[in-house]
Amino acid sequence: MLVFAHGWIWWLAPLPLLAWWVLPPRRRDRPALRVPFMERLRASGGRVAAGRARGSRASTLLRILVWLAVLAALARPQWLEPPVEKRVPTRDLLLLVDLSASMEQADFTDAGGKAVDRLSAAKGVLGDFLLRRDGDRVGLVVFGSAPFLQAPFTTDLALCNALLGETAVGMAGPRTALGDAIGLGIRLFDESDAPSKTIIALTDGNDTASAVPPVEAARIARDRGITVHTVAMGDPTTVGEDKLDAETLAAVAEATGGQSFLALDRRQLEGIYARLDEIETREIKTVSYRPRRDAYYWPLGAALVLSLASGLLGLARRGAAAAGKPPNIRLRVNPGTFELEAIEE
C-alpha cells in the first residue's frame, strides 16, 4: 500500500496559483521606438504571437505537472510492506536435570508401556513440556557430581530439546549436586532481564556432592526473584545414597514460593509437568512492525523528465517563431521632412 509520510505537503499545491493572484506581475522597462508603420509591424508579427499562444497551454500544463511531482517527492511516498511480527520472551525458564547414576534404574515406562530408565522417561515428558513453552526462553543445566550448562537461554525450543536428548546417565558424574546446580542457575540469571524467572529441578536422589546446601541456594534464588519448582521422581523407599530426599526438595520449593511434586511413574510425571504448564502460564508479548520502502525517487524522476520536456518545448517554440519571423525592414530618414520611411527588403 502506498502512503505519504508527510501528507501535509499537498496543502502547498495551490501555492503557485495563489502567488499568481496575489503578487503583482513582473514589469520590465524596455526602450521603444514609435514609428508610423506600427500597424504593418503588428500585422507581420501576428503570426508569431499566435504561435506563442498555442504553445503556452502545453508549457503551463508541464509546469503544473512538474510542481505536483516535486510535491509528491517532498511528501515522501512509501510502500508499506506486509507486517513483521516478533515475539518477545516474557519469561526465562531453566531446567535442571539430574544425570546421577541412580537415574539409570529402569522403573518407569515410555509412552508405549515399555520399561525404560528414569532419564529416558524424563526426556520424553520434558520434551513435550519444552515444545509447549512458546514465548519463553529456555535453558538447560545437567548435574551429577557437578553442574554443567547444556544449553544457554534460547527461544529455539527444538534445539534445546535436541540437546536434552543427547544427555546420558553419568556424563556429569555419579553423585548428586543439586545445591550447586541451583547456584549455577542463579549465576545464569544474572544477565537475564526477563520479568519472570523460573527454575524447574528434576532429581531422584538426595544432595551428596554440593558445596552449597540446596535450601541455602534456594534462599539466594528467592532474594534474586527466582522461583524454584522441584520434581522428585523414583522410589521414596530407597535407602542409602540413592535415597529420595523429598523433604529437602519441598523445603527448596517452599523457600522460593514454588511447588514441590513427587512422581512415582510416568503418568504422574506427565501430570506434574501439565500442572507446571498451568502454573507457569505463558504471557506472549508480540511486537509488530511494518517495513517501509521509500519511493520518492519516482516522482522526483518524473519531475526531471517533465522539466526537460518543458525546456525542449520552449526550444521548439522559439525555433518555430524564428522560422516564421517577419521580413526585415530598413528605416530611412527623409531629409526634407525628417520622417522615417520603412523599406521592406
C-alpha atoms as a PDB file:
ATOM      1  CA  MET A   1       0.000   0.000   0.000  1.00  0.00           C
ATOM      2  CA  LEU A   2       1.289   3.460  -0.916  1.00  0.00           C
ATOM      3  CA  VAL A   3       1.274   6.090   1.843  1.00  0.00           C
ATOM      4  CA  PHE A   4       2.806   9.528   2.280  1.00  0.00           C
ATOM      5  CA  ALA A   5       4.936  10.202   5.349  1.00  0.00           C
ATOM      6  CA  HIS A   6       4.362  13.969   5.083  1.00  0.00           C
ATOM      7  CA  GLY A   7       0.844  14.265   3.714  1.00  0.00           C
ATOM      8  CA  TRP A   8       0.539  17.905   4.763  1.00  0.00           C
ATOM      9  CA  ILE A   9       2.839  18.825   1.851  1.00  0.00           C
ATOM     10  CA  TRP A  10      -0.154  18.533  -0.500  1.00  0.00           C
ATOM     11  CA  TRP A  11      -1.660  21.638   1.084  1.00  0.00           C
ATOM     12  CA  LEU A  12       1.039  23.573  -0.809  1.00  0.00           C
ATOM     13  CA  ALA A  13      -0.382  22.525  -4.185  1.00  0.00           C
ATOM     14  CA  PRO A  14      -2.371  25.787  -4.813  1.00  0.00           C
ATOM     15  CA  LEU A  15       0.587  27.965  -3.760  1.00  0.00           C
ATOM     16  CA  PRO A  16       1.635  28.965  -7.341  1.00  0.00           C
ATOM     17  CA  LEU A  17      -1.955  29.891  -8.232  1.00  0.00           C
ATOM     18  CA  LEU A  18      -2.250  31.940  -5.050  1.00  0.00           C
ATOM     19  CA  ALA A  19       1.014  33.714  -5.855  1.00  0.00           C
ATOM     20  CA  TRP A  20      -0.232  34.455  -9.396  1.00  0.00           C
ATOM     21  CA  TRP A  21      -3.403  36.024  -7.985  1.00  0.00           C
ATOM     22  CA  VAL A  22      -1.882  37.977  -5.104  1.00  0.00           C
ATOM     23  CA  LEU A  23       1.571  39.089  -6.221  1.00  0.00           C
ATOM     24  CA  PRO A  24       1.871  41.903  -8.797  1.00  0.00           C
ATOM     25  CA  PRO A  25       3.082  40.932 -12.267  1.00  0.00           C
ATOM     26  CA  ARG A  26       6.718  41.401 -13.112  1.00  0.00           C
ATOM     27  CA  ARG A  27       7.351  44.518 -15.199  1.00  0.00           C
ATOM     28  CA  ARG A  28      10.384  45.126 -17.357  1.00  0.00           C
ATOM     29  CA  ASP A  29      11.064  48.529 -18.917  1.00  0.00           C
ATOM     30  CA  ARG A  30      12.367  48.271 -22.485  1.00  0.00           C
ATOM     31  CA  PRO A  31      13.377  51.052 -24.884  1.00  0.00           C
ATOM     32  CA  ALA A  32      10.770  51.614 -27.606  1.00  0.00           C
ATOM     33  CA  LEU A  33      10.678  53.371 -30.973  1.00  0.00           C
ATOM     34  CA  ARG A  34       7.496  54.916 -32.212  1.00  0.00           C
ATOM     35  CA  VAL A  35       7.092  54.552 -35.955  1.00  0.00           C
ATOM     36  CA  PRO A  36       4.153  55.327 -38.265  1.00  0.00           C
ATOM     37  CA  PHE A  37       4.135  51.840 -39.711  1.00  0.00           C
ATOM     38  CA  MET A  38       3.354  50.121 -36.362  1.00  0.00           C
ATOM     39  CA  GLU A  39       0.226  48.602 -37.797  1.00  0.00           C
ATOM     40  CA  ARG A  40       2.287  46.941 -40.521  1.00  0.00           C
ATOM     41  CA  LEU A  41       4.746  45.589 -37.972  1.00  0.00           C
ATOM     42  CA  ARG A  42       1.944  44.386 -35.777  1.00  0.00           C
ATOM     43  CA  ALA A  43       0.299  42.667 -38.723  1.00  0.00           C
ATOM     44  CA  SER A  44       3.510  40.962 -39.780  1.00  0.00           C
ATOM     45  CA  GLY A  45       4.193  39.821 -36.238  1.00  0.00           C
ATOM     46  CA  GLY A  46       0.745  38.463 -35.591  1.00  0.00           C
ATOM     47  CA  ARG A  47       1.750  35.014 -36.741  1.00  0.00           C
ATOM     48  CA  VAL A  48       4.458  34.856 -34.091  1.00  0.00           C
ATOM     49  CA  ALA A  49       2.123  35.975 -31.334  1.00  0.00           C
ATOM     50  CA  ALA A  50      -0.387  33.299 -32.352  1.00  0.00           C
ATOM     51  CA  GLY A  51       2.292  30.620 -32.201  1.00  0.00           C
ATOM     52  CA  ARG A  52       3.189  31.658 -28.653  1.00  0.00           C
ATOM     53  CA  ALA A  53      -0.397  31.496 -27.548  1.00  0.00           C
ATOM     54  CA  ARG A  54      -0.738  27.937 -28.847  1.00  0.00           C
ATOM     55  CA  GLY A  55       2.433  26.836 -27.064  1.00  0.00           C
ATOM     56  CA  SER A  56       1.680  28.487 -23.705  1.00  0.00           C
ATOM     57  CA  ARG A  57      -1.039  25.998 -22.735  1.00  0.00           C
ATOM     58  CA  ALA A  58       1.263  22.988 -23.078  1.00  0.00           C
ATOM     59  CA  SER A  59       4.019  24.839 -21.245  1.00  0.00           C
ATOM     60  CA  THR A  60       1.660  25.743 -18.402  1.00  0.00           C
ATOM     61  CA  LEU A  61       0.432  22.150 -18.133  1.00  0.00           C
ATOM     62  CA  LEU A  62       4.005  20.876 -17.935  1.00  0.00           C
ATOM     63  CA  ARG A  63       4.846  23.378 -15.201  1.00  0.00           C
ATOM     64  CA  ILE A  64       1.809  22.242 -13.214  1.00  0.00           C
ATOM     65  CA  LEU A  65       2.838  18.605 -13.546  1.00  0.00           C
ATOM     66  CA  VAL A  66       6.400  19.409 -12.501  1.00  0.00           C
ATOM     67  CA  TRP A  67       5.127  21.230  -9.406  1.00  0.00           C
ATOM     68  CA  LEU A  68       2.868  18.311  -8.444  1.00  0.00           C
ATOM     69  CA  ALA A  69       5.679  15.797  -8.992  1.00  0.00           C
ATOM     70  CA  VAL A  70       8.013  17.817  -6.747  1.00  0.00           C
ATOM     71  CA  LEU A  71       5.323  17.962  -4.064  1.00  0.00           C
ATOM     72  CA  ALA A  72       4.847  14.207  -4.332  1.00  0.00           C
ATOM     73  CA  ALA A  73       8.575  13.664  -3.775  1.00  0.00           C
ATOM     74  CA  LEU A  74       8.598  16.040  -0.798  1.00  0.00           C
ATOM     75  CA  ALA A  75       5.609  14.206   0.710  1.00  0.00           C
ATOM     76  CA  ARG A  76       7.888  11.119   0.871  1.00  0.00           C
ATOM     77  CA  PRO A  77       5.832   8.339  -0.697  1.00  0.00           C
ATOM     78  CA  GLN A  78       6.437   4.928   0.890  1.00  0.00           C
ATOM     79  CA  TRP A  79       5.356   1.384   0.136  1.00  0.00           C
ATOM     80  CA  LEU A  80       4.097  -0.415   3.234  1.00  0.00           C
ATOM     81  CA  GLU A  81       5.406  -3.968   3.307  1.00  0.00           C
ATOM     82  CA  PRO A  82       3.492  -6.838   4.981  1.00  0.00           C
ATOM     83  CA  PRO A  83       3.734  -6.645   8.797  1.00  0.00           C
ATOM     84  CA  VAL A  84       6.591  -8.435  10.520  1.00  0.00           C
ATOM     85  CA  GLU A  85       5.783  -9.853  13.941  1.00  0.00           C
ATOM     86  CA  LYS A  86       8.335 -10.690  16.593  1.00  0.00           C
ATOM     87  CA  ARG A  87       7.584 -12.429  19.864  1.00  0.00           C
ATOM     88  CA  VAL A  88       9.428 -11.024  22.842  1.00  0.00           C
ATOM     89  CA  PRO A  89      10.132 -13.562  25.634  1.00  0.00           C
ATOM     90  CA  THR A  90       8.476 -12.670  28.928  1.00  0.00           C
ATOM     91  CA  ARG A  91       9.999 -15.487  30.988  1.00  0.00           C
ATOM     92  CA  ASP A  92      13.342 -17.219  31.353  1.00  0.00           C
ATOM     93  CA  LEU A  93      12.856 -20.864  32.318  1.00  0.00           C
ATOM     94  CA  LEU A  94      15.811 -23.022  33.402  1.00  0.00           C
ATOM     95  CA  LEU A  95      15.550 -26.802  33.601  1.00  0.00           C
ATOM     96  CA  LEU A  96      17.843 -28.704  35.986  1.00  0.00           C
ATOM     97  CA  VAL A  97      18.064 -32.397  35.069  1.00  0.00           C
ATOM     98  CA  ASP A  98      19.716 -34.997  37.294  1.00  0.00           C
ATOM     99  CA  LEU A  99      22.160 -37.319  35.458  1.00  0.00           C
ATOM    100  CA  SER A 100      23.452 -39.178  38.512  1.00  0.00           C
ATOM    101  CA  ALA A 101      23.921 -42.957  38.459  1.00  0.00           C
ATOM    102  CA  SER A 102      20.557 -43.613  40.137  1.00  0.00           C
ATOM    103  CA  MET A 103      18.740 -42.231  37.039  1.00  0.00           C
ATOM    104  CA  GLU A 104      19.714 -45.459  35.284  1.00  0.00           C
ATOM    105  CA  GLN A 105      17.166 -47.534  37.192  1.00  0.00           C
ATOM    106  CA  ALA A 106      14.521 -48.908  34.802  1.00  0.00           C
ATOM    107  CA  ASP A 107      11.422 -48.493  36.957  1.00  0.00           C
ATOM    108  CA  PHE A 108       9.483 -46.199  34.574  1.00  0.00           C
ATOM    109  CA  THR A 109       7.730 -46.839  31.257  1.00  0.00           C
ATOM    110  CA  ASP A 110       7.669 -44.980  27.981  1.00  0.00           C
ATOM    111  CA  ALA A 111       4.588 -43.875  26.029  1.00  0.00           C
ATOM    112  CA  GLY A 112       4.220 -47.397  24.613  1.00  0.00           C
ATOM    113  CA  GLY A 113       4.318 -49.070  28.026  1.00  0.00           C
ATOM    114  CA  LYS A 114       7.853 -50.440  27.647  1.00  0.00           C
ATOM    115  CA  ALA A 115      10.111 -50.340  30.719  1.00  0.00           C
ATOM    116  CA  VAL A 116      12.765 -47.629  30.493  1.00  0.00           C
ATOM    117  CA  ASP A 117      15.190 -45.934  32.849  1.00  0.00           C
ATOM    118  CA  ARG A 118      14.242 -42.786  34.722  1.00  0.00           C
ATOM    119  CA  LEU A 119      16.235 -40.463  32.491  1.00  0.00           C
ATOM    120  CA  SER A 120      14.564 -41.781  29.314  1.00  0.00           C
ATOM    121  CA  ALA A 121      11.133 -41.294  30.872  1.00  0.00           C
ATOM    122  CA  ALA A 122      12.093 -37.770  31.961  1.00  0.00           C
ATOM    123  CA  LYS A 123      13.334 -36.938  28.452  1.00  0.00           C
ATOM    124  CA  GLY A 124      10.028 -37.980  26.894  1.00  0.00           C
ATOM    125  CA  VAL A 125       7.944 -35.905  29.297  1.00  0.00           C
ATOM    126  CA  LEU A 126      10.317 -32.930  29.342  1.00  0.00           C
ATOM    127  CA  GLY A 127      10.471 -32.908  25.537  1.00  0.00           C
ATOM    128  CA  ASP A 128       6.711 -32.445  25.269  1.00  0.00           C
ATOM    129  CA  PHE A 129       6.834 -29.817  28.012  1.00  0.00           C
ATOM    130  CA  LEU A 130       9.598 -27.903  26.214  1.00  0.00           C
ATOM    131  CA  LEU A 131       7.818 -27.765  22.885  1.00  0.00           C
ATOM    132  CA  ARG A 132       4.813 -26.139  24.592  1.00  0.00           C
ATOM    133  CA  ARG A 133       6.884 -23.289  26.017  1.00  0.00           C
ATOM    134  CA  ASP A 134       6.297 -20.969  23.079  1.00  0.00           C
ATOM    135  CA  GLY A 135       7.038 -17.420  24.242  1.00  0.00           C
ATOM    136  CA  ASP A 136       9.675 -18.435  26.813  1.00  0.00           C
ATOM    137  CA  ARG A 137      13.443 -18.521  26.703  1.00  0.00           C
ATOM    138  CA  VAL A 138      14.527 -21.932  27.966  1.00  0.00           C
ATOM    139  CA  GLY A 139      17.918 -23.054  29.276  1.00  0.00           C
ATOM    140  CA  LEU A 140      19.166 -26.492  30.326  1.00  0.00           C
ATOM    141  CA  VAL A 141      21.600 -27.427  33.108  1.00  0.00           C
ATOM    142  CA  VAL A 142      22.553 -31.052  33.783  1.00  0.00           C
ATOM    143  CA  PHE A 143      24.117 -32.103  37.044  1.00  0.00           C
ATOM    144  CA  GLY A 144      25.661 -35.107  38.709  1.00  0.00           C
ATOM    145  CA  SER A 145      28.755 -34.711  40.828  1.00  0.00           C
ATOM    146  CA  ALA A 146      28.930 -31.175  39.373  1.00  0.00           C
ATOM    147  CA  PRO A 147      26.582 -28.990  37.323  1.00  0.00           C
ATOM    148  CA  PHE A 148      27.192 -28.190  33.648  1.00  0.00           C
ATOM    149  CA  LEU A 149      25.460 -25.842  31.232  1.00  0.00           C
ATOM    150  CA  GLN A 150      23.972 -27.932  28.427  1.00  0.00           C
ATOM    151  CA  ALA A 151      22.008 -25.173  26.651  1.00  0.00           C
ATOM    152  CA  PRO A 152      22.007 -21.406  27.345  1.00  0.00           C
ATOM    153  CA  PHE A 153      18.772 -19.465  27.344  1.00  0.00           C
ATOM    154  CA  THR A 154      17.241 -19.628  23.898  1.00  0.00           C
ATOM    155  CA  THR A 155      13.894 -19.361  22.136  1.00  0.00           C
ATOM    156  CA  ASP A 156      14.884 -22.282  19.897  1.00  0.00           C
ATOM    157  CA  LEU A 157      12.891 -24.910  21.780  1.00  0.00           C
ATOM    158  CA  ALA A 158      13.642 -27.636  19.237  1.00  0.00           C
ATOM    159  CA  LEU A 159      17.387 -27.115  19.724  1.00  0.00           C
ATOM    160  CA  CYS A 160      17.021 -27.246  23.497  1.00  0.00           C
ATOM    161  CA  ASN A 161      15.018 -30.468  23.186  1.00  0.00           C
ATOM    162  CA  ALA A 162      17.694 -31.950  20.904  1.00  0.00           C
ATOM    163  CA  LEU A 163      20.430 -31.123  23.422  1.00  0.00           C
ATOM    164  CA  LEU A 164      18.341 -32.725  26.150  1.00  0.00           C
ATOM    165  CA  GLY A 165      18.106 -35.858  24.031  1.00  0.00           C
ATOM    166  CA  GLU A 166      21.907 -36.058  23.833  1.00  0.00           C
ATOM    167  CA  THR A 167      22.333 -36.345  27.598  1.00  0.00           C
ATOM    168  CA  ALA A 168      23.216 -39.670  29.189  1.00  0.00           C
ATOM    169  CA  VAL A 169      23.361 -41.075  32.704  1.00  0.00           C
ATOM    170  CA  GLY A 170      26.700 -40.479  34.401  1.00  0.00           C
ATOM    171  CA  MET A 171      28.033 -37.875  31.930  1.00  0.00           C
ATOM    172  CA  ALA A 172      28.145 -35.316  34.767  1.00  0.00           C
ATOM    173  CA  GLY A 173      29.355 -37.747  37.405  1.00  0.00           C
ATOM    174  CA  PRO A 174      27.678 -40.441  39.543  1.00  0.00           C
ATOM    175  CA  ARG A 175      26.691 -38.312  42.551  1.00  0.00           C
ATOM    176  CA  THR A 176      24.066 -35.566  43.053  1.00  0.00           C
ATOM    177  CA  ALA A 177      24.910 -31.864  43.447  1.00  0.00           C
ATOM    178  CA  LEU A 178      21.512 -30.174  43.428  1.00  0.00           C
ATOM    179  CA  GLY A 179      22.637 -27.192  45.523  1.00  0.00           C
ATOM    180  CA  ASP A 180      25.497 -26.390  43.123  1.00  0.00           C
ATOM    181  CA  ALA A 181      23.121 -26.772  40.163  1.00  0.00           C
ATOM    182  CA  ILE A 182      20.788 -24.164  41.676  1.00  0.00           C
ATOM    183  CA  GLY A 183      23.825 -21.924  42.283  1.00  0.00           C
ATOM    184  CA  LEU A 184      24.838 -22.225  38.620  1.00  0.00           C
ATOM    185  CA  GLY A 185      21.279 -21.376  37.620  1.00  0.00           C
ATOM    186  CA  ILE A 186      21.372 -18.234  39.776  1.00  0.00           C
ATOM    187  CA  ARG A 187      24.543 -17.077  38.004  1.00  0.00           C
ATOM    188  CA  LEU A 188      22.928 -17.695  34.612  1.00  0.00           C
ATOM    189  CA  PHE A 189      20.023 -15.443  35.592  1.00  0.00           C
ATOM    190  CA  ASP A 190      22.401 -12.560  36.391  1.00  0.00           C
ATOM    191  CA  GLU A 191      22.339 -11.491  32.736  1.00  0.00           C
ATOM    192  CA  SER A 192      18.593 -12.033  32.330  1.00  0.00           C
ATOM    193  CA  ASP A 193      16.246  -9.054  32.067  1.00  0.00           C
ATOM    194  CA  ALA A 194      13.067 -11.144  31.785  1.00  0.00           C
ATOM    195  CA  PRO A 195      10.277 -10.091  34.163  1.00  0.00           C
ATOM    196  CA  SER A 196       9.742 -13.706  35.271  1.00  0.00           C
ATOM    197  CA  LYS A 197      12.499 -16.174  36.214  1.00  0.00           C
ATOM    198  CA  THR A 198      11.789 -19.829  36.978  1.00  0.00           C
ATOM    199  CA  ILE A 199      13.826 -22.944  37.732  1.00  0.00           C
ATOM    200  CA  ILE A 200      12.378 -26.456  37.463  1.00  0.00           C
ATOM    201  CA  ALA A 201      14.667 -29.027  39.088  1.00  0.00           C
ATOM    202  CA  LEU A 202      14.203 -32.749  38.459  1.00  0.00           C
ATOM    203  CA  THR A 203      16.096 -35.286  40.571  1.00  0.00           C
ATOM    204  CA  ASP A 204      15.709 -38.777  42.018  1.00  0.00           C
ATOM    205  CA  GLY A 205      18.158 -38.634  44.913  1.00  0.00           C
ATOM    206  CA  ASN A 206      19.469 -36.569  47.761  1.00  0.00           C
ATOM    207  CA  ASP A 207      22.232 -33.994  47.608  1.00  0.00           C
ATOM    208  CA  THR A 208      25.569 -35.690  48.277  1.00  0.00           C
ATOM    209  CA  ALA A 209      28.123 -33.549  46.461  1.00  0.00           C
ATOM    210  CA  SER A 210      27.171 -29.843  46.720  1.00  0.00           C
ATOM    211  CA  ALA A 211      29.388 -27.210  48.284  1.00  0.00           C
ATOM    212  CA  VAL A 212      26.247 -25.156  48.977  1.00  0.00           C
ATOM    213  CA  PRO A 213      23.227 -26.873  50.603  1.00  0.00           C
ATOM    214  CA  PRO A 214      20.144 -26.839  48.344  1.00  0.00           C
ATOM    215  CA  VAL A 215      17.987 -24.902  50.837  1.00  0.00           C
ATOM    216  CA  GLU A 216      20.648 -22.218  51.238  1.00  0.00           C
ATOM    217  CA  ALA A 217      20.937 -21.917  47.454  1.00  0.00           C
ATOM    218  CA  ALA A 218      17.143 -21.626  47.275  1.00  0.00           C
ATOM    219  CA  ARG A 219      17.174 -18.680  49.695  1.00  0.00           C
ATOM    220  CA  ILE A 220      19.670 -16.881  47.477  1.00  0.00           C
ATOM    221  CA  ALA A 221      17.434 -17.602  44.470  1.00  0.00           C
ATOM    222  CA  ARG A 222      14.469 -16.121  46.334  1.00  0.00           C
ATOM    223  CA  ASP A 223      16.446 -12.927  47.011  1.00  0.00           C
ATOM    224  CA  ARG A 224      17.186 -12.693  43.259  1.00  0.00           C
ATOM    225  CA  GLY A 225      13.495 -13.029  42.375  1.00  0.00           C
ATOM    226  CA  ILE A 226      13.804 -16.611  41.093  1.00  0.00           C
ATOM    227  CA  THR A 227      11.081 -19.213  41.694  1.00  0.00           C
ATOM    228  CA  VAL A 228      12.169 -22.844  42.041  1.00  0.00           C
ATOM    229  CA  HIS A 229       9.822 -25.795  41.436  1.00  0.00           C
ATOM    230  CA  THR A 230      11.120 -29.258  42.329  1.00  0.00           C
ATOM    231  CA  VAL A 231      10.126 -32.593  40.811  1.00  0.00           C
ATOM    232  CA  ALA A 232      11.153 -35.743  42.679  1.00  0.00           C
ATOM    233  CA  MET A 233      10.959 -38.972  40.730  1.00  0.00           C
ATOM    234  CA  GLY A 234      11.630 -42.567  41.738  1.00  0.00           C
ATOM    235  CA  ASP A 235      11.003 -44.757  44.756  1.00  0.00           C
ATOM    236  CA  PRO A 236      10.721 -42.847  48.070  1.00  0.00           C
ATOM    237  CA  THR A 237      11.521 -46.038  49.999  1.00  0.00           C
ATOM    238  CA  THR A 238      15.059 -46.207  48.600  1.00  0.00           C
ATOM    239  CA  VAL A 239      17.783 -46.039  51.243  1.00  0.00           C
ATOM    240  CA  GLY A 240      21.449 -45.102  51.196  1.00  0.00           C
ATOM    241  CA  GLU A 241      22.995 -42.600  48.808  1.00  0.00           C
ATOM    242  CA  ASP A 242      20.192 -43.067  46.315  1.00  0.00           C
ATOM    243  CA  LYS A 243      17.546 -42.172  48.901  1.00  0.00           C
ATOM    244  CA  LEU A 244      14.948 -39.711  47.618  1.00  0.00           C
ATOM    245  CA  ASP A 245      15.136 -36.668  49.899  1.00  0.00           C
ATOM    246  CA  ALA A 246      11.604 -35.363  49.349  1.00  0.00           C
ATOM    247  CA  GLU A 247      11.743 -33.160  52.462  1.00  0.00           C
ATOM    248  CA  THR A 248      14.716 -31.169  51.191  1.00  0.00           C
ATOM    249  CA  LEU A 249      13.108 -30.744  47.781  1.00  0.00           C
ATOM    250  CA  ALA A 250       9.912 -29.482  49.425  1.00  0.00           C
ATOM    251  CA  ALA A 251      11.934 -27.037  51.543  1.00  0.00           C
ATOM    252  CA  VAL A 252      13.721 -25.741  48.411  1.00  0.00           C
ATOM    253  CA  ALA A 253      10.428 -25.059  46.632  1.00  0.00           C
ATOM    254  CA  GLU A 254       8.831 -23.507  49.724  1.00  0.00           C
ATOM    255  CA  ALA A 255      11.779 -21.144  50.246  1.00  0.00           C
ATOM    256  CA  THR A 256      11.218 -19.564  46.811  1.00  0.00           C
ATOM    257  CA  GLY A 257       7.429 -19.683  46.660  1.00  0.00           C
ATOM    258  CA  GLY A 258       7.445 -22.611  44.253  1.00  0.00           C
ATOM    259  CA  GLN A 259       5.803 -26.022  44.429  1.00  0.00           C
ATOM    260  CA  SER A 260       7.195 -29.496  45.021  1.00  0.00           C
ATOM    261  CA  PHE A 261       5.936 -32.633  43.262  1.00  0.00           C
ATOM    262  CA  LEU A 262       6.526 -36.376  43.545  1.00  0.00           C
ATOM    263  CA  ALA A 263       6.338 -38.669  40.512  1.00  0.00           C
ATOM    264  CA  LEU A 264       6.304 -42.414  41.107  1.00  0.00           C
ATOM    265  CA  ASP A 265       5.574 -43.344  37.486  1.00  0.00           C
ATOM    266  CA  ARG A 266       5.312 -41.824  34.012  1.00  0.00           C
ATOM    267  CA  ARG A 267       1.634 -40.939  34.366  1.00  0.00           C
ATOM    268  CA  GLN A 268       2.305 -38.905  37.477  1.00  0.00           C
ATOM    269  CA  LEU A 269       5.336 -37.298  35.839  1.00  0.00           C
ATOM    270  CA  GLU A 270       3.200 -36.202  32.883  1.00  0.00           C
ATOM    271  CA  GLY A 271       0.579 -34.844  35.260  1.00  0.00           C
ATOM    272  CA  ILE A 272       3.233 -32.862  37.136  1.00  0.00           C
ATOM    273  CA  TYR A 273       4.512 -31.116  34.020  1.00  0.00           C
ATOM    274  CA  ALA A 274       0.947 -30.481  32.879  1.00  0.00           C
ATOM    275  CA  ARG A 275       0.384 -28.835  36.237  1.00  0.00           C
ATOM    276  CA  LEU A 276       3.589 -26.823  35.884  1.00  0.00           C
ATOM    277  CA  ASP A 277       2.397 -25.746  32.454  1.00  0.00           C
ATOM    278  CA  GLU A 278      -0.719 -24.312  34.107  1.00  0.00           C
ATOM    279  CA  ILE A 279       1.209 -22.669  36.936  1.00  0.00           C
ATOM    280  CA  GLU A 280       3.821 -21.094  34.676  1.00  0.00           C
ATOM    281  CA  THR A 281       1.332 -19.559  32.265  1.00  0.00           C
ATOM    282  CA  ARG A 282       2.834 -18.034  29.142  1.00  0.00           C
ATOM    283  CA  GLU A 283       2.268 -14.363  28.519  1.00  0.00           C
ATOM    284  CA  ILE A 284       3.313 -13.837  24.916  1.00  0.00           C
ATOM    285  CA  LYS A 285       4.313 -10.293  24.029  1.00  0.00           C
ATOM    286  CA  THR A 286       4.192  -9.626  20.306  1.00  0.00           C
ATOM    287  CA  VAL A 287       5.877  -6.685  18.626  1.00  0.00           C
ATOM    288  CA  SER A 288       4.541  -5.855  15.166  1.00  0.00           C
ATOM    289  CA  TYR A 289       6.410  -3.752  12.627  1.00  0.00           C
ATOM    290  CA  ARG A 290       5.599  -2.841   9.042  1.00  0.00           C
ATOM    291  CA  PRO A 291       8.692  -2.109   6.951  1.00  0.00           C
ATOM    292  CA  ARG A 292       8.508   0.997   4.780  1.00  0.00           C
ATOM    293  CA  ARG A 293      10.251   1.284   1.423  1.00  0.00           C
ATOM    294  CA  ASP A 294      10.812   4.840   0.173  1.00  0.00           C
ATOM    295  CA  ALA A 295       9.616   5.635  -3.363  1.00  0.00           C
ATOM    296  CA  TYR A 296      10.334   9.370  -3.563  1.00  0.00           C
ATOM    297  CA  TYR A 297      12.702   8.876  -6.486  1.00  0.00           C
ATOM    298  CA  TRP A 298       9.816   8.018  -8.841  1.00  0.00           C
ATOM    299  CA  PRO A 299       8.044  11.417  -8.659  1.00  0.00           C
ATOM    300  CA  LEU A 300      11.437  13.135  -8.480  1.00  0.00           C
ATOM    301  CA  GLY A 301      12.465  11.425 -11.705  1.00  0.00           C
ATOM    302  CA  ALA A 302       9.122  12.339 -13.268  1.00  0.00           C
ATOM    303  CA  ALA A 303       9.678  15.988 -12.320  1.00  0.00           C
ATOM    304  CA  LEU A 304      13.094  15.912 -14.012  1.00  0.00           C
ATOM    305  CA  VAL A 305      11.685  14.394 -17.192  1.00  0.00           C
ATOM    306  CA  LEU A 306       8.824  16.885 -17.306  1.00  0.00           C
ATOM    307  CA  SER A 307      11.242  19.788 -16.779  1.00  0.00           C
ATOM    308  CA  LEU A 308      13.327  18.576 -19.705  1.00  0.00           C
ATOM    309  CA  ALA A 309      10.165  18.253 -21.787  1.00  0.00           C
ATOM    310  CA  SER A 310       9.193  21.828 -20.904  1.00  0.00           C
ATOM    311  CA  GLY A 311      12.634  23.075 -21.925  1.00  0.00           C
ATOM    312  CA  LEU A 312      12.510  21.175 -25.218  1.00  0.00           C
ATOM    313  CA  LEU A 313       9.054  22.573 -25.895  1.00  0.00           C
ATOM    314  CA  GLY A 314      10.367  26.103 -25.356  1.00  0.00           C
ATOM    315  CA  LEU A 315      13.234  25.494 -27.755  1.00  0.00           C
ATOM    316  CA  ALA A 316      10.847  24.113 -30.375  1.00  0.00           C
ATOM    317  CA  ARG A 317       8.551  27.084 -29.970  1.00  0.00           C
ATOM    318  CA  ARG A 318      11.409  29.577 -30.409  1.00  0.00           C
ATOM    319  CA  GLY A 319      12.594  27.655 -33.455  1.00  0.00           C
ATOM    320  CA  ALA A 320       9.129  27.857 -34.992  1.00  0.00           C
ATOM    321  CA  ALA A 321       8.980  31.573 -34.247  1.00  0.00           C
ATOM    322  CA  ALA A 322      12.345  32.108 -35.916  1.00  0.00           C
ATOM    323  CA  ALA A 323      11.186  30.208 -38.998  1.00  0.00           C
ATOM    324  CA  GLY A 324       8.116  32.439 -39.359  1.00  0.00           C
ATOM    325  CA  LYS A 325       9.704  35.791 -38.427  1.00  0.00           C
ATOM    326  CA  PRO A 326       8.543  38.976 -40.236  1.00  0.00           C
ATOM    327  CA  PRO A 327      10.573  40.399 -43.158  1.00  0.00           C
ATOM    328  CA  ASN A 328      13.479  42.695 -42.395  1.00  0.00           C
ATOM    329  CA  ILE A 329      12.543  46.369 -42.550  1.00  0.00           C
ATOM    330  CA  ARG A 330      15.145  49.059 -43.117  1.00  0.00           C
ATOM    331  CA  LEU A 331      14.383  52.572 -41.876  1.00  0.00           C
ATOM    332  CA  ARG A 332      15.432  55.646 -43.890  1.00  0.00           C
ATOM    333  CA  VAL A 333      15.168  59.251 -42.762  1.00  0.00           C
ATOM    334  CA  ASN A 334      13.634  61.693 -45.240  1.00  0.00           C
ATOM    335  CA  PRO A 335      15.910  64.780 -45.055  1.00  0.00           C
ATOM    336  CA  GLY A 336      13.190  67.165 -46.140  1.00  0.00           C
ATOM    337  CA  THR A 337      10.532  66.191 -43.595  1.00  0.00           C
ATOM    338  CA  PHE A 338      12.651  64.286 -41.048  1.00  0.00           C
ATOM    339  CA  GLU A 339      10.211  61.413 -41.249  1.00  0.00           C
ATOM    340  CA  LEU A 340      11.104  57.722 -41.069  1.00  0.00           C
ATOM    341  CA  GLU A 341      10.428  55.672 -44.176  1.00  0.00           C
ATOM    342  CA  ALA A 342      10.185  51.884 -43.977  1.00  0.00           C
ATOM    343  CA  ILE A 343      11.685  49.936 -46.849  1.00  0.00           C
ATOM    344  CA  GLU A 344      10.923  46.215 -46.944  1.00  0.00           C
ATOM    345  CA  GLU A 345      13.886  44.043 -48.007  1.00  0.00           C
END
